[in-house]
Amino acid sequence: MTTVENACHSITEILRNHADIPYTIIYLVENQEGVFENKPKKVRLEATTFDNGLVRVQRTDGNEEYMYIHGQSSRDIPDYLLKTPDVMVMPDVKVMPDSEEDMDHLDSYSTTAAPWPIERAICSGDKVFIRLPDDSLTVLCPVTSISGGKDMLTAVMICGVNRHRLPDKDYEEFLQV
């Protein structure tokens, strides 16, 4: 069995140099367990298509995993992307996956000093498209898994959008997969 962290590194390795997804950044969500619901407490940068020098580690079960090791691996995130911190603490956000509010409009950023709007993707429970200062598009996709019969927010995957494609229905379905 593979870990979630190794799955993230495997995904970014597969998507490295992909024609339709120029880059991928994956943040894992750490949830604060409550009596009635799980709330995102913070997100941790786990893997990117900009990671280099990942270390192969032999697990006790014989399987190999890839790990990002600070000081040994590098993460060469381009300057044209938004600020990509290792950890972001989420304010007391309420996840609204069934919200009828239209949160799928396009936000534009005029500077790269702002961090990724992960909180917005978490609150909407749906993909969020943003326009970067270089006029390219990016989509933030919340990723859920099922735990104890309930959907649980597991990660937020940030994907660059191909400059030669419009984010039409087919492209959005491709990203959903």
C-alpha atoms as a PDB file:
ATOM      1  CA  MET A   1       0.000   0.000   0.000  1.00  0.00           C
ATOM      2  CA  THR A   2       1.260   3.457  -0.849  1.00  0.00           C
ATOM      3  CA  THR A   3       1.003   6.558   1.319  1.00  0.00           C
ATOM      4  CA  VAL A   4      -0.945   9.671   0.365  1.00  0.00           C
ATOM      5  CA  GLU A   5       2.347  11.566   0.178  1.00  0.00           C
ATOM      6  CA  ASN A   6       3.817   9.056  -2.286  1.00  0.00           C
ATOM      7  CA  ALA A   7       0.622   9.172  -4.357  1.00  0.00           C
ATOM      8  CA  CYS A   8       1.023  12.980  -4.583  1.00  0.00           C
ATOM      9  CA  HIS A   9       4.602  12.625  -5.816  1.00  0.00           C
ATOM     10  CA  SER A  10       3.532   9.953  -8.310  1.00  0.00           C
ATOM     11  CA  ILE A  11       0.791  12.239  -9.674  1.00  0.00           C
ATOM     12  CA  THR A  12       3.159  15.162 -10.126  1.00  0.00           C
ATOM     13  CA  GLU A  13       5.741  12.925 -11.816  1.00  0.00           C
ATOM     14  CA  ILE A  14       3.101  11.659 -14.260  1.00  0.00           C
ATOM     15  CA  LEU A  15       1.924  15.217 -14.991  1.00  0.00           C
ATOM     16  CA  ARG A  16       5.435  16.651 -15.400  1.00  0.00           C
ATOM     17  CA  ASN A  17       5.705  18.075 -18.944  1.00  0.00           C
ATOM     18  CA  HIS A  18       2.040  17.255 -19.679  1.00  0.00           C
ATOM     19  CA  ALA A  19       0.691  19.223 -22.664  1.00  0.00           C
ATOM     20  CA  ASP A  20      -2.708  20.013 -21.132  1.00  0.00           C
ATOM     21  CA  ILE A  21      -1.535  20.678 -17.568  1.00  0.00           C
ATOM     22  CA  PRO A  22       1.640  22.809 -17.635  1.00  0.00           C
ATOM     23  CA  TYR A  23       2.236  22.446 -13.879  1.00  0.00           C
ATOM     24  CA  THR A  24       0.708  20.912 -10.774  1.00  0.00           C
ATOM     25  CA  ILE A  25       1.015  21.846  -7.107  1.00  0.00           C
ATOM     26  CA  ILE A  26      -0.603  19.660  -4.444  1.00  0.00           C
ATOM     27  CA  TYR A  27      -1.437  20.804  -0.928  1.00  0.00           C
ATOM     28  CA  LEU A  28      -2.604  18.179   1.589  1.00  0.00           C
ATOM     29  CA  VAL A  29      -5.343  19.280   3.969  1.00  0.00           C
ATOM     30  CA  GLU A  30      -5.002  18.647   7.681  1.00  0.00           C
ATOM     31  CA  ASN A  31      -8.476  18.589   9.180  1.00  0.00           C
ATOM     32  CA  GLN A  32      -9.427  19.483  12.714  1.00  0.00           C
ATOM     33  CA  GLU A  33     -11.826  16.828  13.851  1.00  0.00           C
ATOM     34  CA  GLY A  34     -14.933  18.162  15.502  1.00  0.00           C
ATOM     35  CA  VAL A  35     -17.953  16.574  17.053  1.00  0.00           C
ATOM     36  CA  PHE A  36     -20.140  17.093  13.993  1.00  0.00           C
ATOM     37  CA  GLU A  37     -17.755  17.873  11.142  1.00  0.00           C
ATOM     38  CA  ASN A  38     -14.151  18.016  10.043  1.00  0.00           C
ATOM     39  CA  LYS A  39     -12.821  21.504   9.413  1.00  0.00           C
ATOM     40  CA  PRO A  40      -9.652  22.282   7.476  1.00  0.00           C
ATOM     41  CA  LYS A  41      -7.040  23.447   9.987  1.00  0.00           C
ATOM     42  CA  LYS A  42      -4.089  23.954   7.646  1.00  0.00           C
ATOM     43  CA  VAL A  43      -2.731  22.887   4.283  1.00  0.00           C
ATOM     44  CA  ARG A  44       0.781  21.554   3.689  1.00  0.00           C
ATOM     45  CA  LEU A  45       2.630  21.714   0.379  1.00  0.00           C
ATOM     46  CA  GLU A  46       3.336  18.100  -0.524  1.00  0.00           C
ATOM     47  CA  ALA A  47       4.363  17.828  -4.172  1.00  0.00           C
ATOM     48  CA  THR A  48       4.834  19.866  -7.332  1.00  0.00           C
ATOM     49  CA  THR A  49       5.903  19.259 -10.900  1.00  0.00           C
ATOM     50  CA  PHE A  50       8.803  21.596 -10.026  1.00  0.00           C
ATOM     51  CA  ASP A  51      10.294  19.151  -7.485  1.00  0.00           C
ATOM     52  CA  ASN A  52      13.766  17.819  -8.264  1.00  0.00           C
ATOM     53  CA  GLY A  53      15.972  15.322  -6.495  1.00  0.00           C
ATOM     54  CA  LEU A  54      13.234  13.333  -4.791  1.00  0.00           C
ATOM     55  CA  VAL A  55      14.684  10.586  -2.607  1.00  0.00           C
ATOM     56  CA  ARG A  56      13.642   6.942  -3.027  1.00  0.00           C
ATOM     57  CA  VAL A  57      13.028   5.315   0.323  1.00  0.00           C
ATOM     58  CA  GLN A  58      12.601   1.577   0.903  1.00  0.00           C
ATOM     59  CA  ARG A  59       9.646   0.880   3.193  1.00  0.00           C
ATOM     60  CA  THR A  60       9.527  -1.997   5.643  1.00  0.00           C
ATOM     61  CA  ASP A  61       6.978  -3.773   3.408  1.00  0.00           C
ATOM     62  CA  GLY A  62       9.482  -3.746   0.522  1.00  0.00           C
ATOM     63  CA  ASN A  63       7.783  -1.018  -1.503  1.00  0.00           C
ATOM     64  CA  GLU A  64       9.648   2.106  -2.569  1.00  0.00           C
ATOM     65  CA  GLU A  65       8.344   5.605  -2.068  1.00  0.00           C
ATOM     66  CA  TYR A  66       9.448   9.019  -3.227  1.00  0.00           C
ATOM     67  CA  MET A  67       9.993  11.707  -0.621  1.00  0.00           C
ATOM     68  CA  TYR A  68      10.848  15.378  -0.762  1.00  0.00           C
ATOM     69  CA  ILE A  69      13.682  15.950   1.704  1.00  0.00           C
ATOM     70  CA  HIS A  70      14.463  19.589   2.643  1.00  0.00           C
ATOM     71  CA  GLY A  71      18.108  20.353   1.948  1.00  0.00           C
ATOM     72  CA  GLN A  72      18.475  17.403  -0.402  1.00  0.00           C
ATOM     73  CA  SER A  73      15.565  17.912  -2.818  1.00  0.00           C
ATOM     74  CA  SER A  74      14.745  21.221  -4.492  1.00  0.00           C
ATOM     75  CA  ARG A  75      11.546  22.931  -5.485  1.00  0.00           C
ATOM     76  CA  ASP A  76      12.093  25.411  -8.320  1.00  0.00           C
ATOM     77  CA  ILE A  77       8.752  27.240  -8.463  1.00  0.00           C
ATOM     78  CA  PRO A  78       8.719  29.891 -11.218  1.00  0.00           C
ATOM     79  CA  ASP A  79       8.415  33.572 -10.317  1.00  0.00           C
ATOM     80  CA  TYR A  80       5.251  34.018 -12.426  1.00  0.00           C
ATOM     81  CA  LEU A  81       3.205  31.833 -10.030  1.00  0.00           C
ATOM     82  CA  LEU A  82       1.547  33.043  -6.855  1.00  0.00           C
ATOM     83  CA  LYS A  83       3.292  32.735  -3.506  1.00  0.00           C
ATOM     84  CA  THR A  84       3.568  29.025  -2.629  1.00  0.00           C
ATOM     85  CA  PRO A  85       4.312  28.656   1.102  1.00  0.00           C
ATOM     86  CA  ASP A  86       5.074  25.280   2.674  1.00  0.00           C
ATOM     87  CA  VAL A  87       2.187  25.632   5.150  1.00  0.00           C
ATOM     88  CA  MET A  88      -0.922  27.820   5.227  1.00  0.00           C
ATOM     89  CA  VAL A  89      -3.147  27.999   8.295  1.00  0.00           C
ATOM     90  CA  MET A  90      -6.806  28.142   7.349  1.00  0.00           C
ATOM     91  CA  PRO A  91      -8.997  30.562   9.253  1.00  0.00           C
ATOM     92  CA  ASP A  92     -12.210  29.120  10.624  1.00  0.00           C
ATOM     93  CA  VAL A  93     -13.614  28.204   7.210  1.00  0.00           C
ATOM     94  CA  LYS A  94     -16.886  26.446   6.651  1.00  0.00           C
ATOM     95  CA  VAL A  95     -16.826  23.925   3.840  1.00  0.00           C
ATOM     96  CA  MET A  96     -19.905  24.420   1.675  1.00  0.00           C
ATOM     97  CA  PRO A  97     -19.910  21.661  -0.958  1.00  0.00           C
ATOM     98  CA  ASP A  98     -23.625  22.093  -1.559  1.00  0.00           C
ATOM     99  CA  SER A  99     -23.559  25.877  -1.757  1.00  0.00           C
ATOM    100  CA  GLU A 100     -25.685  27.360  -4.493  1.00  0.00           C
ATOM    101  CA  GLU A 101     -23.662  30.561  -4.362  1.00  0.00           C
ATOM    102  CA  ASP A 102     -21.800  31.144  -7.645  1.00  0.00           C
ATOM    103  CA  MET A 103     -18.173  30.798  -6.562  1.00  0.00           C
ATOM    104  CA  ASP A 104     -16.899  29.662  -9.972  1.00  0.00           C
ATOM    105  CA  HIS A 105     -16.185  33.117 -11.392  1.00  0.00           C
ATOM    106  CA  LEU A 106     -12.705  34.095 -12.498  1.00  0.00           C
ATOM    107  CA  ASP A 107     -10.489  36.067 -10.118  1.00  0.00           C
ATOM    108  CA  SER A 108      -7.555  38.052 -11.477  1.00  0.00           C
ATOM    109  CA  TYR A 109      -4.316  38.661  -9.613  1.00  0.00           C
ATOM    110  CA  SER A 110      -2.070  41.599 -10.451  1.00  0.00           C
ATOM    111  CA  THR A 111       0.852  40.498  -8.303  1.00  0.00           C
ATOM    112  CA  THR A 112       2.581  37.235  -7.419  1.00  0.00           C
ATOM    113  CA  ALA A 113       2.950  38.340  -3.775  1.00  0.00           C
ATOM    114  CA  ALA A 114      -0.473  36.906  -2.918  1.00  0.00           C
ATOM    115  CA  PRO A 115      -0.691  33.263  -1.834  1.00  0.00           C
ATOM    116  CA  TRP A 116      -2.898  30.792  -3.679  1.00  0.00           C
ATOM    117  CA  PRO A 117      -6.605  31.317  -2.774  1.00  0.00           C
ATOM    118  CA  ILE A 118      -6.901  27.829  -1.312  1.00  0.00           C
ATOM    119  CA  GLU A 119      -9.423  28.956   1.293  1.00  0.00           C
ATOM    120  CA  ARG A 120     -11.788  29.925  -1.527  1.00  0.00           C
ATOM    121  CA  ALA A 121     -11.537  26.480  -3.160  1.00  0.00           C
ATOM    122  CA  ILE A 122     -12.128  24.837   0.213  1.00  0.00           C
ATOM    123  CA  CYS A 123     -15.172  27.012   0.981  1.00  0.00           C
ATOM    124  CA  SER A 124     -16.740  26.513  -2.430  1.00  0.00           C
ATOM    125  CA  GLY A 125     -16.084  22.770  -2.514  1.00  0.00           C
ATOM    126  CA  ASP A 126     -15.625  23.166  -6.284  1.00  0.00           C
ATOM    127  CA  LYS A 127     -12.908  24.132  -8.738  1.00  0.00           C
ATOM    128  CA  VAL A 128     -11.890  27.790  -8.834  1.00  0.00           C
ATOM    129  CA  PHE A 129     -10.296  29.388 -11.902  1.00  0.00           C
ATOM    130  CA  ILE A 130      -7.926  32.325 -11.450  1.00  0.00           C
ATOM    131  CA  ARG A 131      -5.971  34.518 -13.851  1.00  0.00           C
ATOM    132  CA  LEU A 132      -2.314  35.067 -12.944  1.00  0.00           C
ATOM    133  CA  PRO A 133      -0.321  38.279 -13.511  1.00  0.00           C
ATOM    134  CA  ASP A 134       1.182  36.780 -16.720  1.00  0.00           C
ATOM    135  CA  ASP A 135      -2.412  36.388 -18.031  1.00  0.00           C
ATOM    136  CA  SER A 136      -2.337  32.576 -17.788  1.00  0.00           C
ATOM    137  CA  LEU A 137      -5.148  30.581 -16.147  1.00  0.00           C
ATOM    138  CA  THR A 138      -4.882  28.249 -13.186  1.00  0.00           C
ATOM    139  CA  VAL A 139      -7.512  26.066 -11.578  1.00  0.00           C
ATOM    140  CA  LEU A 140      -7.663  25.036  -7.918  1.00  0.00           C
ATOM    141  CA  CYS A 141      -9.417  21.687  -7.481  1.00  0.00           C
ATOM    142  CA  PRO A 142     -10.500  20.405  -4.054  1.00  0.00           C
ATOM    143  CA  VAL A 143      -9.912  16.653  -3.777  1.00  0.00           C
ATOM    144  CA  THR A 144     -12.111  14.556  -1.490  1.00  0.00           C
ATOM    145  CA  SER A 145     -11.902  10.984  -0.314  1.00  0.00           C
ATOM    146  CA  ILE A 146     -14.382   8.831   1.550  1.00  0.00           C
ATOM    147  CA  SER A 147     -13.615   8.040   5.179  1.00  0.00           C
ATOM    148  CA  GLY A 148     -16.107   6.402   7.484  1.00  0.00           C
ATOM    149  CA  GLY A 149     -18.808   6.747   4.828  1.00  0.00           C
ATOM    150  CA  LYS A 150     -18.364  10.541   4.638  1.00  0.00           C
ATOM    151  CA  ASP A 151     -16.667  12.719   2.029  1.00  0.00           C
ATOM    152  CA  MET A 152     -13.586  14.312   3.528  1.00  0.00           C
ATOM    153  CA  LEU A 153     -11.502  17.063   1.969  1.00  0.00           C
ATOM    154  CA  THR A 154      -8.049  15.543   1.460  1.00  0.00           C
ATOM    155  CA  ALA A 155      -6.116  17.909  -0.800  1.00  0.00           C
ATOM    156  CA  VAL A 156      -6.227  20.933  -3.074  1.00  0.00           C
ATOM    157  CA  MET A 157      -4.591  20.403  -6.444  1.00  0.00           C
ATOM    158  CA  ILE A 158      -3.486  23.508  -8.326  1.00  0.00           C
ATOM    159  CA  CYS A 159      -3.162  22.968 -12.076  1.00  0.00           C
ATOM    160  CA  GLY A 160      -1.971  25.293 -14.794  1.00  0.00           C
ATOM    161  CA  VAL A 161      -4.368  25.516 -17.735  1.00  0.00           C
ATOM    162  CA  ASN A 162      -3.049  25.027 -21.250  1.00  0.00           C
ATOM    163  CA  ARG A 163      -2.769  28.472 -22.877  1.00  0.00           C
ATOM    164  CA  HIS A 164      -4.070  27.043 -26.166  1.00  0.00           C
ATOM    165  CA  ARG A 165      -7.292  25.640 -24.719  1.00  0.00           C
ATOM    166  CA  LEU A 166     -10.294  27.306 -23.219  1.00  0.00           C
ATOM    167  CA  PRO A 167     -11.527  25.823 -19.950  1.00  0.00           C
ATOM    168  CA  ASP A 168     -14.641  24.450 -21.638  1.00  0.00           C
ATOM    169  CA  LYS A 169     -16.791  21.559 -20.438  1.00  0.00           C
ATOM    170  CA  ASP A 170     -14.498  18.877 -21.936  1.00  0.00           C
ATOM    171  CA  TYR A 171     -11.404  20.413 -20.323  1.00  0.00           C
ATOM    172  CA  GLU A 172     -13.162  20.700 -16.953  1.00  0.00           C
ATOM    173  CA  GLU A 173     -14.251  17.038 -17.168  1.00  0.00           C
ATOM    174  CA  PHE A 174     -10.634  16.100 -17.952  1.00  0.00           C
ATOM    175  CA  LEU A 175      -9.476  17.977 -14.853  1.00  0.00           C
ATOM    176  CA  GLN A 176     -12.161  16.307 -12.738  1.00  0.00           C
ATOM    177  CA  VAL A 177     -10.714  12.886 -13.549  1.00  0.00           C
END
